[in-house]
Amino acid sequence: VAPEPWHISHIVQSDILQQHQSLTVLADTINNSQLAGKA
């Protein structure tokens, strides 16, 4: 991602959620969507 000086993030809570990101859940979410370029 290109530098975004306007984008700020809460250190502790964003880290907690990032640790719970799941490629499997993300793939299922995208697969069940109408996202352009899905394949």
All heavy atoms as atom14 arrays in JSON, in Angstrom:
{
  "sequence": "VAPEPWHISHIVQSDILQQHQSLTVLADTINNSQLAGKA",
  "atom14_mask": [
    [1, 1, 1, 1, 1, 1, 1, 0, 0, 0, 0, 0, 0, 0],
    [1, 1, 1, 1, 1, 0, 0, 0, 0, 0, 0, 0, 0, 0],
    [1, 1, 1, 1, 1, 1, 1, 0, 0, 0, 0, 0, 0, 0],
    [1, 1, 1, 1, 1, 1, 1, 1, 1, 0, 0, 0, 0, 0],
    [1, 1, 1, 1, 1, 1, 1, 0, 0, 0, 0, 0, 0, 0],
    [1, 1, 1, 1, 1, 1, 1, 1, 1, 1, 1, 1, 1, 1],
    [1, 1, 1, 1, 1, 1, 1, 1, 1, 1, 0, 0, 0, 0],
    [1, 1, 1, 1, 1, 1, 1, 1, 0, 0, 0, 0, 0, 0],
    [1, 1, 1, 1, 1, 1, 0, 0, 0, 0, 0, 0, 0, 0],
    [1, 1, 1, 1, 1, 1, 1, 1, 1, 1, 0, 0, 0, 0],
    [1, 1, 1, 1, 1, 1, 1, 1, 0, 0, 0, 0, 0, 0],
    [1, 1, 1, 1, 1, 1, 1, 0, 0, 0, 0, 0, 0, 0],
    [1, 1, 1, 1, 1, 1, 1, 1, 1, 0, 0, 0, 0, 0],
    [1, 1, 1, 1, 1, 1, 0, 0, 0, 0, 0, 0, 0, 0],
    [1, 1, 1, 1, 1, 1, 1, 1, 0, 0, 0, 0, 0, 0],
    [1, 1, 1, 1, 1, 1, 1, 1, 0, 0, 0, 0, 0, 0],
    [1, 1, 1, 1, 1, 1, 1, 1, 0, 0, 0, 0, 0, 0],
    [1, 1, 1, 1, 1, 1, 1, 1, 1, 0, 0, 0, 0, 0],
    [1, 1, 1, 1, 1, 1, 1, 1, 1, 0, 0, 0, 0, 0],
    [1, 1, 1, 1, 1, 1, 1, 1, 1, 1, 0, 0, 0, 0],
    [1, 1, 1, 1, 1, 1, 1, 1, 1, 0, 0, 0, 0, 0],
    [1, 1, 1, 1, 1, 1, 0, 0, 0, 0, 0, 0, 0, 0],
    [1, 1, 1, 1, 1, 1, 1, 1, 0, 0, 0, 0, 0, 0],
    [1, 1, 1, 1, 1, 1, 1, 0, 0, 0, 0, 0, 0, 0],
    [1, 1, 1, 1, 1, 1, 1, 0, 0, 0, 0, 0, 0, 0],
    [1, 1, 1, 1, 1, 1, 1, 1, 0, 0, 0, 0, 0, 0],
    [1, 1, 1, 1, 1, 0, 0, 0, 0, 0, 0, 0, 0, 0],
    [1, 1, 1, 1, 1, 1, 1, 1, 0, 0, 0, 0, 0, 0],
    [1, 1, 1, 1, 1, 1, 1, 0, 0, 0, 0, 0, 0, 0],
    [1, 1, 1, 1, 1, 1, 1, 1, 0, 0, 0, 0, 0, 0],
    [1, 1, 1, 1, 1, 1, 1, 1, 0, 0, 0, 0, 0, 0],
    [1, 1, 1, 1, 1, 1, 1, 1, 0, 0, 0, 0, 0, 0],
    [1, 1, 1, 1, 1, 1, 0, 0, 0, 0, 0, 0, 0, 0],
    [1, 1, 1, 1, 1, 1, 1, 1, 1, 0, 0, 0, 0, 0],
    [1, 1, 1, 1, 1, 1, 1, 1, 0, 0, 0, 0, 0, 0],
    [1, 1, 1, 1, 1, 0, 0, 0, 0, 0, 0, 0, 0, 0],
    [1, 1, 1, 1, 0, 0, 0, 0, 0, 0, 0, 0, 0, 0],
    [1, 1, 1, 1, 1, 1, 1, 1, 1, 0, 0, 0, 0, 0],
    [1, 1, 1, 1, 1, 0, 0, 0, 0, 0, 0, 0, 0, 0]
  ],
  "atom14_positions": [
    [[0.85, -1.19, 0.0], [0.0, 0.0, 0.0], [0.89, 1.24, 0.0], [1.89, 1.3, 0.71], [-0.93, 0.0, 1.23], [-1.78, 1.27, 1.28], [-1.82, -1.24, 1.23], [0.0, 0.0, 0.0], [0.0, 0.0, 0.0], [0.0, 0.0, 0.0], [0.0, 0.0, 0.0], [0.0, 0.0, 0.0], [0.0, 0.0, 0.0], [0.0, 0.0, 0.0]],
    [[0.53, 2.22, -0.81], [1.29, 3.47, -0.86], [1.14, 4.22, 0.45], [0.17, 4.04, 1.19], [0.79, 4.33, -2.02], [0.0, 0.0, 0.0], [0.0, 0.0, 0.0], [0.0, 0.0, 0.0], [0.0, 0.0, 0.0], [0.0, 0.0, 0.0], [0.0, 0.0, 0.0], [0.0, 0.0, 0.0], [0.0, 0.0, 0.0], [0.0, 0.0, 0.0]],
    [[2.1, 5.09, 0.8], [2.0, 5.87, 2.04], [0.7, 6.66, 2.11], [0.28, 7.29, 1.13], [3.21, 6.8, 1.96], [4.21, 6.04, 1.15], [3.39, 5.33, 0.11], [0.0, 0.0, 0.0], [0.0, 0.0, 0.0], [0.0, 0.0, 0.0], [0.0, 0.0, 0.0], [0.0, 0.0, 0.0], [0.0, 0.0, 0.0], [0.0, 0.0, 0.0]],
    [[0.06, 6.63, 3.27], [-1.19, 7.34, 3.51], [-1.07, 8.11, 4.82], [-1.37, 7.58, 5.9], [-2.38, 6.37, 3.58], [-2.66, 5.64, 2.28], [-3.93, 4.8, 2.34], [-4.48, 4.61, 3.45], [-4.38, 4.32, 1.28], [0.0, 0.0, 0.0], [0.0, 0.0, 0.0], [0.0, 0.0, 0.0], [0.0, 0.0, 0.0], [0.0, 0.0, 0.0]],
    [[-0.64, 9.36, 4.78], [-0.45, 10.13, 6.02], [-1.74, 10.43, 6.76], [-1.71, 10.81, 7.93], [0.21, 11.42, 5.52], [-0.14, 11.53, 4.08], [-0.22, 10.12, 3.59], [0.0, 0.0, 0.0], [0.0, 0.0, 0.0], [0.0, 0.0, 0.0], [0.0, 0.0, 0.0], [0.0, 0.0, 0.0], [0.0, 0.0, 0.0], [0.0, 0.0, 0.0]],
    [[-2.87, 10.24, 6.11], [-4.18, 10.51, 6.73], [-4.71, 9.31, 7.51], [-5.68, 9.42, 8.24], [-5.2, 10.87, 5.65], [-5.27, 9.85, 4.54], [-6.01, 8.69, 4.51], [-4.56, 9.87, 3.3], [-5.81, 8.0, 3.35], [-4.92, 8.72, 2.58], [-3.67, 10.79, 2.72], [-4.41, 8.43, 1.31], [-3.16, 10.51, 1.47], [-3.52, 9.35, 0.78]],
    [[-4.1, 8.16, 7.36], [-4.63, 6.91, 7.93], [-3.93, 6.61, 9.25], [-2.73, 6.36, 9.3], [-4.39, 5.77, 6.93], [-4.99, 4.45, 7.34], [-5.8, 3.7, 6.51], [-4.92, 3.75, 8.5], [-6.17, 2.59, 7.12], [-5.66, 2.61, 8.35], [0.0, 0.0, 0.0], [0.0, 0.0, 0.0], [0.0, 0.0, 0.0], [0.0, 0.0, 0.0]],
    [[-4.7, 6.62, 10.35], [-4.16, 6.28, 11.66], [-4.85, 5.03, 12.19], [-5.98, 4.73, 11.82], [-4.28, 7.44, 12.67], [-5.75, 7.73, 13.0], [-3.58, 8.68, 12.12], [-5.92, 8.75, 14.14], [0.0, 0.0, 0.0], [0.0, 0.0, 0.0], [0.0, 0.0, 0.0], [0.0, 0.0, 0.0], [0.0, 0.0, 0.0], [0.0, 0.0, 0.0]],
    [[-4.15, 4.33, 13.06], [-4.64, 3.05, 13.56], [-4.35, 2.93, 15.04], [-3.28, 3.36, 15.51], [-3.94, 1.91, 12.8], [-4.37, 0.65, 13.26], [0.0, 0.0, 0.0], [0.0, 0.0, 0.0], [0.0, 0.0, 0.0], [0.0, 0.0, 0.0], [0.0, 0.0, 0.0], [0.0, 0.0, 0.0], [0.0, 0.0, 0.0], [0.0, 0.0, 0.0]],
    [[-5.28, 2.35, 15.78], [-5.05, 2.12, 17.21], [-4.11, 0.93, 17.36], [-4.38, -0.17, 16.86], [-6.37, 1.84, 17.93], [-6.25, 1.87, 19.42], [-5.95, 0.75, 20.15], [-6.37, 2.89, 20.32], [-5.91, 1.06, 21.44], [-6.16, 2.35, 21.56], [0.0, 0.0, 0.0], [0.0, 0.0, 0.0], [0.0, 0.0, 0.0], [0.0, 0.0, 0.0]],
    [[-3.0, 1.15, 18.03], [-1.93, 0.16, 18.07], [-2.4, -1.17, 18.67], [-2.25, -2.23, 18.05], [-0.73, 0.7, 18.88], [-0.13, 1.92, 18.18], [0.34, -0.39, 19.04], [0.92, 2.66, 19.01], [0.0, 0.0, 0.0], [0.0, 0.0, 0.0], [0.0, 0.0, 0.0], [0.0, 0.0, 0.0], [0.0, 0.0, 0.0], [0.0, 0.0, 0.0]],
    [[-2.96, -1.13, 19.85], [-3.29, -2.37, 20.56], [-4.45, -3.11, 19.91], [-4.36, -4.31, 19.61], [-3.61, -2.08, 22.04], [-4.12, -3.34, 22.74], [-2.38, -1.54, 22.75], [0.0, 0.0, 0.0], [0.0, 0.0, 0.0], [0.0, 0.0, 0.0], [0.0, 0.0, 0.0], [0.0, 0.0, 0.0], [0.0, 0.0, 0.0], [0.0, 0.0, 0.0]],
    [[-5.56, -2.41, 19.67], [-6.75, -3.1, 19.2], [-6.62, -3.56, 17.74], [-7.15, -4.61, 17.38], [-7.98, -2.2, 19.36], [-8.29, -1.86, 20.81], [-8.46, -3.08, 21.7], [-8.98, -4.11, 21.25], [-8.05, -2.97, 22.95], [0.0, 0.0, 0.0], [0.0, 0.0, 0.0], [0.0, 0.0, 0.0], [0.0, 0.0, 0.0], [0.0, 0.0, 0.0]],
    [[-5.92, -2.8, 16.92], [-5.73, -3.25, 15.53], [-4.85, -4.5, 15.5], [-5.07, -5.41, 14.69], [-5.13, -2.15, 14.66], [-3.81, -1.84, 15.07], [0.0, 0.0, 0.0], [0.0, 0.0, 0.0], [0.0, 0.0, 0.0], [0.0, 0.0, 0.0], [0.0, 0.0, 0.0], [0.0, 0.0, 0.0], [0.0, 0.0, 0.0], [0.0, 0.0, 0.0]],
    [[-3.86, -4.56, 16.39], [-2.99, -5.73, 16.45], [-3.76, -6.97, 16.88], [-3.58, -8.06, 16.33], [-1.83, -5.47, 17.41], [-0.86, -6.65, 17.48], [-0.23, -6.96, 16.46], [-0.75, -7.27, 18.56], [0.0, 0.0, 0.0], [0.0, 0.0, 0.0], [0.0, 0.0, 0.0], [0.0, 0.0, 0.0], [0.0, 0.0, 0.0], [0.0, 0.0, 0.0]],
    [[-4.65, -6.8, 17.85], [-5.46, -7.93, 18.3], [-6.29, -8.48, 17.15], [-6.35, -9.69, 16.91], [-6.37, -7.51, 19.47], [-5.55, -7.25, 20.73], [-7.44, -8.57, 19.74], [-6.33, -6.64, 21.88], [0.0, 0.0, 0.0], [0.0, 0.0, 0.0], [0.0, 0.0, 0.0], [0.0, 0.0, 0.0], [0.0, 0.0, 0.0], [0.0, 0.0, 0.0]],
    [[-6.94, -7.57, 16.41], [-7.8, -8.03, 15.31], [-6.99, -8.6, 14.16], [-7.4, -9.59, 13.54], [-8.69, -6.89, 14.84], [-9.86, -6.6, 15.78], [-10.61, -5.35, 15.36], [-10.83, -7.79, 15.83], [0.0, 0.0, 0.0], [0.0, 0.0, 0.0], [0.0, 0.0, 0.0], [0.0, 0.0, 0.0], [0.0, 0.0, 0.0], [0.0, 0.0, 0.0]],
    [[-5.84, -8.01, 13.88], [-5.02, -8.55, 12.8], [-4.6, -9.98, 13.09], [-4.5, -10.81, 12.19], [-3.79, -7.67, 12.55], [-3.03, -8.07, 11.29], [-2.03, -7.04, 10.86], [-1.23, -6.58, 11.68], [-2.04, -6.65, 9.6], [0.0, 0.0, 0.0], [0.0, 0.0, 0.0], [0.0, 0.0, 0.0], [0.0, 0.0, 0.0], [0.0, 0.0, 0.0]],
    [[-4.37, -10.28, 14.37], [-3.99, -11.63, 14.75], [-5.13, -12.62, 14.55], [-4.9, -13.84, 14.47], [-3.53, -11.66, 16.21], [-2.21, -10.96, 16.44], [-1.76, -11.03, 17.89], [-1.99, -12.02, 18.58], [-1.13, -9.96, 18.36], [0.0, 0.0, 0.0], [0.0, 0.0, 0.0], [0.0, 0.0, 0.0], [0.0, 0.0, 0.0], [0.0, 0.0, 0.0]],
    [[-6.36, -12.1, 14.46], [-7.52, -12.98, 14.25], [-7.96, -13.04, 12.8], [-8.95, -13.72, 12.48], [-8.7, -12.53, 15.14], [-8.56, -12.96, 16.57], [-7.92, -12.18, 17.5], [-8.96, -14.08, 17.21], [-7.95, -12.8, 18.68], [-8.57, -13.95, 18.52], [0.0, 0.0, 0.0], [0.0, 0.0, 0.0], [0.0, 0.0, 0.0], [0.0, 0.0, 0.0]],
    [[-7.24, -12.33, 11.92], [-7.55, -12.46, 10.5], [-7.29, -13.89, 10.06], [-6.34, -14.53, 10.5], [-6.7, -11.5, 9.66], [-7.2, -10.07, 9.67], [-6.38, -9.18, 8.77], [-5.16, -9.29, 8.72], [-7.04, -8.3, 8.07], [0.0, 0.0, 0.0], [0.0, 0.0, 0.0], [0.0, 0.0, 0.0], [0.0, 0.0, 0.0], [0.0, 0.0, 0.0]],
    [[-8.12, -14.38, 9.16], [-8.0, -15.76, 8.7], [-8.11, -15.79, 7.18], [-9.09, -15.29, 6.61], [-9.12, -16.61, 9.31], [-9.31, -17.81, 8.59], [0.0, 0.0, 0.0], [0.0, 0.0, 0.0], [0.0, 0.0, 0.0], [0.0, 0.0, 0.0], [0.0, 0.0, 0.0], [0.0, 0.0, 0.0], [0.0, 0.0, 0.0], [0.0, 0.0, 0.0]],
    [[-7.1, -16.34, 6.52], [-7.16, -16.47, 5.06], [-8.33, -17.33, 4.63], [-8.94, -17.09, 3.59], [-5.85, -17.05, 4.54], [-4.78, -16.07, 4.07], [-3.52, -16.82, 3.65], [-5.29, -15.22, 2.92], [0.0, 0.0, 0.0], [0.0, 0.0, 0.0], [0.0, 0.0, 0.0], [0.0, 0.0, 0.0], [0.0, 0.0, 0.0], [0.0, 0.0, 0.0]],
    [[-8.66, -18.32, 5.45], [-9.79, -19.2, 5.11], [-11.1, -18.44, 5.14], [-11.92, -18.54, 4.21], [-9.85, -20.38, 6.1], [-8.63, -21.13, 6.02], [-11.03, -21.29, 5.77], [0.0, 0.0, 0.0], [0.0, 0.0, 0.0], [0.0, 0.0, 0.0], [0.0, 0.0, 0.0], [0.0, 0.0, 0.0], [0.0, 0.0, 0.0], [0.0, 0.0, 0.0]],
    [[-11.33, -17.66, 6.2], [-12.55, -16.87, 6.3], [-12.58, -15.81, 5.2], [-13.63, -15.57, 4.59], [-12.66, -16.21, 7.69], [-13.85, -15.25, 7.74], [-12.81, -17.28, 8.78], [0.0, 0.0, 0.0], [0.0, 0.0, 0.0], [0.0, 0.0, 0.0], [0.0, 0.0, 0.0], [0.0, 0.0, 0.0], [0.0, 0.0, 0.0], [0.0, 0.0, 0.0]],
    [[-11.43, -15.17, 4.93], [-11.37, -14.17, 3.86], [-11.7, -14.79, 2.52], [-12.48, -14.23, 1.74], [-9.97, -13.54, 3.84], [-9.71, -12.53, 2.72], [-10.69, -11.37, 2.79], [-8.27, -12.03, 2.8], [0.0, 0.0, 0.0], [0.0, 0.0, 0.0], [0.0, 0.0, 0.0], [0.0, 0.0, 0.0], [0.0, 0.0, 0.0], [0.0, 0.0, 0.0]],
    [[-11.13, -15.95, 2.23], [-11.4, -16.62, 0.95], [-12.88, -17.0, 0.83], [-13.49, -16.81, -0.23], [-10.53, -17.87, 0.82], [0.0, 0.0, 0.0], [0.0, 0.0, 0.0], [0.0, 0.0, 0.0], [0.0, 0.0, 0.0], [0.0, 0.0, 0.0], [0.0, 0.0, 0.0], [0.0, 0.0, 0.0], [0.0, 0.0, 0.0], [0.0, 0.0, 0.0]],
    [[-13.46, -17.5, 1.91], [-14.88, -17.85, 1.88], [-15.75, -16.61, 1.67], [-16.74, -16.65, 0.92], [-15.28, -18.53, 3.2], [-14.74, -19.94, 3.32], [-14.32, -20.5, 2.29], [-14.72, -20.48, 4.44], [0.0, 0.0, 0.0], [0.0, 0.0, 0.0], [0.0, 0.0, 0.0], [0.0, 0.0, 0.0], [0.0, 0.0, 0.0], [0.0, 0.0, 0.0]],
    [[-15.39, -15.5, 2.32], [-16.14, -14.26, 2.18], [-16.1, -13.76, 0.74], [-17.13, -13.37, 0.17], [-15.57, -13.17, 3.13], [-15.65, -13.64, 4.47], [-16.36, -11.88, 3.01], [0.0, 0.0, 0.0], [0.0, 0.0, 0.0], [0.0, 0.0, 0.0], [0.0, 0.0, 0.0], [0.0, 0.0, 0.0], [0.0, 0.0, 0.0], [0.0, 0.0, 0.0]],
    [[-14.92, -13.77, 0.14], [-14.78, -13.32, -1.25], [-15.49, -14.27, -2.2], [-16.17, -13.85, -3.14], [-13.29, -13.19, -1.61], [-12.65, -12.06, -0.8], [-13.11, -12.95, -3.11], [-11.16, -11.97, -0.93], [0.0, 0.0, 0.0], [0.0, 0.0, 0.0], [0.0, 0.0, 0.0], [0.0, 0.0, 0.0], [0.0, 0.0, 0.0], [0.0, 0.0, 0.0]],
    [[-15.35, -15.57, -1.97], [-15.97, -16.57, -2.85], [-17.48, -16.44, -2.86], [-18.12, -16.71, -3.89], [-15.56, -17.96, -2.39], [-15.94, -19.04, -3.39], [-15.69, -18.91, -4.58], [-16.57, -20.1, -2.89], [0.0, 0.0, 0.0], [0.0, 0.0, 0.0], [0.0, 0.0, 0.0], [0.0, 0.0, 0.0], [0.0, 0.0, 0.0], [0.0, 0.0, 0.0]],
    [[-18.07, -16.01, -1.76], [-19.52, -15.88, -1.67], [-20.01, -14.47, -2.0], [-21.15, -14.11, -1.69], [-19.99, -16.26, -0.26], [-19.82, -17.74, 0.02], [-20.07, -18.56, -0.84], [-19.35, -18.07, 1.21], [0.0, 0.0, 0.0], [0.0, 0.0, 0.0], [0.0, 0.0, 0.0], [0.0, 0.0, 0.0], [0.0, 0.0, 0.0], [0.0, 0.0, 0.0]],
    [[-19.15, -13.68, -2.63], [-19.48, -12.3, -2.98], [-19.6, -12.14, -4.5], [-19.36, -13.09, -5.26], [-18.39, -11.35, -2.47], [-17.22, -11.47, -3.27], [0.0, 0.0, 0.0], [0.0, 0.0, 0.0], [0.0, 0.0, 0.0], [0.0, 0.0, 0.0], [0.0, 0.0, 0.0], [0.0, 0.0, 0.0], [0.0, 0.0, 0.0], [0.0, 0.0, 0.0]],
    [[-19.95, -10.92, -4.91], [-20.01, -10.58, -6.32], [-18.84, -9.66, -6.66], [-18.97, -8.73, -7.44], [-21.34, -9.88, -6.64], [-22.57, -10.73, -6.37], [-22.58, -12.0, -7.21], [-22.28, -11.95, -8.4], [-22.9, -13.12, -6.58], [0.0, 0.0, 0.0], [0.0, 0.0, 0.0], [0.0, 0.0, 0.0], [0.0, 0.0, 0.0], [0.0, 0.0, 0.0]],
    [[-17.69, -9.93, -6.09], [-16.52, -9.08, -6.27], [-15.97, -9.21, -7.69], [-15.77, -10.32, -8.19], [-15.46, -9.47, -5.26], [-14.54, -8.37, -4.73], [-15.35, -7.26, -4.09], [-13.56, -8.97, -3.73], [0.0, 0.0, 0.0], [0.0, 0.0, 0.0], [0.0, 0.0, 0.0], [0.0, 0.0, 0.0], [0.0, 0.0, 0.0], [0.0, 0.0, 0.0]],
    [[-15.72, -8.08, -8.32], [-15.13, -8.09, -9.65], [-13.71, -8.63, -9.58], [-12.95, -8.3, -8.66], [-15.12, -6.67, -10.22], [0.0, 0.0, 0.0], [0.0, 0.0, 0.0], [0.0, 0.0, 0.0], [0.0, 0.0, 0.0], [0.0, 0.0, 0.0], [0.0, 0.0, 0.0], [0.0, 0.0, 0.0], [0.0, 0.0, 0.0], [0.0, 0.0, 0.0]],
    [[-13.35, -9.49, -10.55], [-12.02, -10.08, -10.55], [-11.86, -11.2, -9.55], [-10.73, -11.56, -9.19], [0.0, 0.0, 0.0], [0.0, 0.0, 0.0], [0.0, 0.0, 0.0], [0.0, 0.0, 0.0], [0.0, 0.0, 0.0], [0.0, 0.0, 0.0], [0.0, 0.0, 0.0], [0.0, 0.0, 0.0], [0.0, 0.0, 0.0], [0.0, 0.0, 0.0]],
    [[-12.96, -11.78, -9.1], [-12.92, -12.76, -8.01], [-12.0, -13.95, -8.31], [-11.24, -14.39, -7.43], [-14.33, -13.23, -7.71], [-14.42, -14.26, -6.59], [-15.84, -14.43, -6.12], [-16.76, -15.05, -7.16], [-18.11, -15.32, -6.62], [0.0, 0.0, 0.0], [0.0, 0.0, 0.0], [0.0, 0.0, 0.0], [0.0, 0.0, 0.0], [0.0, 0.0, 0.0]],
    [[-12.03, -14.44, -9.52], [-11.21, -15.62, -9.85], [-9.72, -15.3, -9.71], [-8.95, -16.09, -9.14], [-11.52, -16.08, -11.27], [0.0, 0.0, 0.0], [0.0, 0.0, 0.0], [0.0, 0.0, 0.0], [0.0, 0.0, 0.0], [0.0, 0.0, 0.0], [0.0, 0.0, 0.0], [0.0, 0.0, 0.0], [0.0, 0.0, 0.0], [0.0, 0.0, 0.0]]
  ]
}
